C-alpha atoms as a PDB file:
ATOM      1  CA  UNK A   1      68.700  95.494  87.270  1.00  0.00           C
ATOM      2  CA  UNK A   2      70.675  95.949  83.896  1.00  0.00           C
ATOM      3  CA  UNK A   3      74.380  96.096  84.823  1.00  0.00           C
ATOM      4  CA  UNK A   4      73.918  99.779  82.415  1.00  0.00           C
ATOM      5  CA  UNK A   5      72.043 101.174  85.085  1.00  0.00           C
ATOM      6  CA  UNK A   6      74.526 100.585  87.908  1.00  0.00           C
ATOM      7  CA  UNK A   7      76.272 103.701  88.990  1.00  0.00           C
ATOM      8  CA  UNK A   8      80.332 102.566  88.772  1.00  0.00           C
ATOM      9  CA  UNK A   9      82.778 105.038  90.541  1.00  0.00           C
ATOM     10  CA  UNK A  10      86.433 103.673  89.914  1.00  0.00           C
ATOM     11  CA  UNK A  11      89.425 105.738  91.840  1.00  0.00           C
ATOM     12  CA  UNK A  12      92.890 104.926  90.604  1.00  0.00           C
ATOM     13  CA  UNK A  13      95.893 105.441  92.632  1.00  0.00           C
ATOM     14  CA  UNK A  14      99.181 105.142  90.987  1.00  0.00           C
ATOM     15  CA  UNK A  15     100.805 103.798  87.457  1.00  0.00           C
ATOM     16  CA  UNK A  16      97.456 101.752  87.049  1.00  0.00           C
ATOM     17  CA  UNK A  17      97.515 100.774  83.261  1.00  0.00           C
ATOM     18  CA  UNK A  18      94.332 101.399  80.761  1.00  0.00           C
ATOM     19  CA  UNK A  19      94.398  97.910  80.004  1.00  0.00           C
ATOM     20  CA  UNK A  20      94.161  97.296  83.981  1.00  0.00           C
ATOM     21  CA  UNK A  21      91.259  99.899  84.353  1.00  0.00           C
ATOM     22  CA  UNK A  22      89.526  98.220  81.511  1.00  0.00           C
ATOM     23  CA  UNK A  23      89.787  94.975  82.940  1.00  0.00           C
ATOM     24  CA  UNK A  24      88.496  95.997  86.259  1.00  0.00           C
ATOM     25  CA  UNK A  25      85.782  97.760  84.826  1.00  0.00           C
ATOM     26  CA  UNK A  26      84.363  94.808  82.858  1.00  0.00           C
ATOM     27  CA  UNK A  27      85.032  92.145  85.733  1.00  0.00           C
ATOM     28  CA  UNK A  28      82.509  95.007  87.733  1.00  0.00           C
ATOM     29  CA  UNK A  29      79.892  94.810  84.938  1.00  0.00           C
ATOM     30  CA  UNK A  30      79.887  91.078  84.461  1.00  0.00           C
ATOM     31  CA  UNK A  31      79.504  90.845  88.341  1.00  0.00           C
ATOM     32  CA  UNK A  32      76.653  93.057  88.495  1.00  0.00           C
ATOM     33  CA  UNK A  33      74.913  91.346  85.313  1.00  0.00           C
ATOM     34  CA  UNK A  34      75.010  87.643  87.256  1.00  0.00           C
ATOM     35  CA  UNK A  35      74.731  88.811  90.744  1.00  0.00           C
ATOM     36  CA  UNK A  36      71.473  86.799  92.372  1.00  0.00           C
ATOM     37  CA  UNK A  37      70.484  90.569  93.990  1.00  0.00           C
ATOM     38  CA  UNK A  38      70.580  93.520  92.191  1.00  0.00           C
ATOM     39  CA  UNK A  39      73.423  95.695  92.392  1.00  0.00           C
ATOM     40  CA  UNK A  40      72.605  99.442  92.588  1.00  0.00           C
ATOM     41  CA  UNK A  41      76.075 101.295  93.216  1.00  0.00           C
ATOM     42  CA  UNK A  42      79.851  99.904  92.649  1.00  0.00           C
ATOM     43  CA  UNK A  43      82.747 101.761  93.783  1.00  0.00           C
ATOM     44  CA  UNK A  44      86.351 100.131  92.721  1.00  0.00           C
ATOM     45  CA  UNK A  45      89.744 101.193  93.781  1.00  0.00           C
ATOM     46  CA  UNK A  46      92.925 100.007  92.094  1.00  0.00           C
ATOM     47  CA  UNK A  47      96.268 100.951  93.603  1.00  0.00           C
ATOM     48  CA  UNK A  48      99.893 100.420  92.278  1.00  0.00           C
ATOM     49  CA  UNK A  49     102.541 102.441  94.190  1.00  0.00           C
ATOM     50  CA  UNK A  50     105.149 104.180  92.653  1.00  0.00           C
ATOM     51  CA  UNK A  51     108.054 103.262  95.139  1.00  0.00           C
ATOM     52  CA  UNK A  52     110.028 100.149  93.953  1.00  0.00           C
ATOM     53  CA  UNK A  53     110.160  98.774  97.842  1.00  0.00           C
ATOM     54  CA  UNK A  54     106.363  99.250  98.619  1.00  0.00           C
ATOM     55  CA  UNK A  55     105.491  96.583 101.361  1.00  0.00           C
ATOM     56  CA  UNK A  56     103.148  95.208  98.353  1.00  0.00           C
ATOM     57  CA  UNK A  57     103.262  96.041  94.508  1.00  0.00           C
ATOM     58  CA  UNK A  58      99.289  96.488  93.916  1.00  0.00           C
ATOM     59  CA  UNK A  59      95.826  96.381  95.464  1.00  0.00           C
ATOM     60  CA  UNK A  60      92.007  96.330  94.742  1.00  0.00           C
ATOM     61  CA  UNK A  61      89.195  97.304  97.112  1.00  0.00           C
ATOM     62  CA  UNK A  62      85.538  97.881  96.176  1.00  0.00           C
ATOM     63  CA  UNK A  63      82.240  98.339  97.850  1.00  0.00           C
ATOM     64  CA  UNK A  64      78.743  97.173  96.260  1.00  0.00           C
ATOM     65  CA  UNK A  65      75.495  98.841  97.532  1.00  0.00           C
ATOM     66  CA  UNK A  66      73.032  95.842  97.065  1.00  0.00           C
ATOM     67  CA  UNK A  67      68.939  96.318  96.425  1.00  0.00           C
ATOM     68  CA  UNK A  68      67.626  96.598  99.723  1.00  0.00           C
ATOM     69  CA  UNK A  69      70.748  98.879 101.218  1.00  0.00           C
ATOM     70  CA  UNK A  70      72.806  96.503 102.252  1.00  0.00           C
ATOM     71  CA  UNK A  71      76.562  97.132 101.420  1.00  0.00           C
ATOM     72  CA  UNK A  72      79.549  94.218 100.767  1.00  0.00           C
ATOM     73  CA  UNK A  73      83.174  95.974 101.019  1.00  0.00           C
ATOM     74  CA  UNK A  74      86.414  93.934 100.032  1.00  0.00           C
ATOM     75  CA  UNK A  75      90.015  94.412  99.371  1.00  0.00           C
ATOM     76  CA  UNK A  76      92.880  92.703  98.890  1.00  0.00           C
ATOM     77  CA  UNK A  77      96.959  92.960  97.795  1.00  0.00           C
ATOM     78  CA  UNK A  78      98.552  90.922  95.545  1.00  0.00           C
ATOM     79  CA  UNK A  79     101.709  90.686  93.319  1.00  0.00           C
ATOM     80  CA  UNK A  80      99.929  92.544  90.318  1.00  0.00           C
ATOM     81  CA  UNK A  81      96.689  94.852  89.667  1.00  0.00           C
ATOM     82  CA  UNK A  82      95.447  92.033  87.630  1.00  0.00           C
ATOM     83  CA  UNK A  83      95.733  89.119  90.216  1.00  0.00           C
ATOM     84  CA  UNK A  84      94.574  91.902  93.122  1.00  0.00           C
ATOM     85  CA  UNK A  85      91.251  92.471  90.584  1.00  0.00           C
ATOM     86  CA  UNK A  86      90.489  88.944  90.277  1.00  0.00           C
ATOM     87  CA  UNK A  87      90.940  88.239  94.105  1.00  0.00           C
ATOM     88  CA  UNK A  88      88.392  90.934  94.964  1.00  0.00           C
ATOM     89  CA  UNK A  89      86.069  90.071  92.577  1.00  0.00           C
ATOM     90  CA  UNK A  90      86.238  86.420  93.647  1.00  0.00           C
ATOM     91  CA  UNK A  91      85.479  87.482  97.067  1.00  0.00           C
ATOM     92  CA  UNK A  92      82.505  89.350  96.232  1.00  0.00           C
ATOM     93  CA  UNK A  93      81.436  86.386  93.882  1.00  0.00           C
ATOM     94  CA  UNK A  94      81.621  84.518  97.132  1.00  0.00           C
ATOM     95  CA  UNK A  95      79.626  86.552  99.517  1.00  0.00           C
ATOM     96  CA  UNK A  96      76.782  87.114  96.686  1.00  0.00           C
ATOM     97  CA  UNK A  97      76.784  83.415  96.758  1.00  0.00           C
ATOM     98  CA  UNK A  98      76.580  83.156 100.475  1.00  0.00           C
ATOM     99  CA  UNK A  99      73.774  85.709 100.599  1.00  0.00           C
ATOM    100  CA  UNK A 100      71.637  83.984  98.061  1.00  0.00           C
ATOM    101  CA  UNK A 101      72.039  80.537  99.934  1.00  0.00           C
ATOM    102  CA  UNK A 102      71.225  81.436 103.322  1.00  0.00           C
ATOM    103  CA  UNK A 103      68.492  83.942 102.155  1.00  0.00           C
ATOM    104  CA  UNK A 104      69.461  86.672 104.636  1.00  0.00           C
ATOM    105  CA  UNK A 105      68.432  90.230 104.634  1.00  0.00           C
ATOM    106  CA  UNK A 106      72.019  91.099 106.482  1.00  0.00           C
ATOM    107  CA  UNK A 107      75.074  89.328 106.054  1.00  0.00           C
ATOM    108  CA  UNK A 108      77.813  88.995 108.704  1.00  0.00           C
ATOM    109  CA  UNK A 109      80.388  91.899 108.248  1.00  0.00           C
ATOM    110  CA  UNK A 110      77.883  94.136 106.391  1.00  0.00           C
ATOM    111  CA  UNK A 111      75.817  97.142 107.475  1.00  0.00           C
ATOM    112  CA  UNK A 112      73.130  98.825 106.123  1.00  0.00           C
ATOM    113  CA  UNK A 113      73.741 101.705 103.904  1.00  0.00           C
ATOM    114  CA  UNK A 114      72.036 104.115 106.265  1.00  0.00           C
ATOM    115  CA  UNK A 115      74.296 103.243 109.288  1.00  0.00           C
ATOM    116  CA  UNK A 116      75.966 105.986 111.254  1.00  0.00           C
END
């Protein structure tokens, strides 16, 4: 599936810059383009707390719905929003690679899209 036909939703919490949003969007688009299985939907959430004393400075989480209804999800905290984006994308690449290697229909920790 071409990356242009993937439905991508972004949720932004806190003072995330436009540059960080654009970077996250490009990273998701690249992931969709190079994934071994078609990605139907992608959802990302970027968070940069407004409080200076927050327990973490930045967070990124995401969910991918793959062809066949499998869902992969991941979330991280990091020192910066850009670092959080890089870490969550690395986790997705690793999980997609493992899925391709093992030829499993359902990787450990993922649920079918129709799970209640």
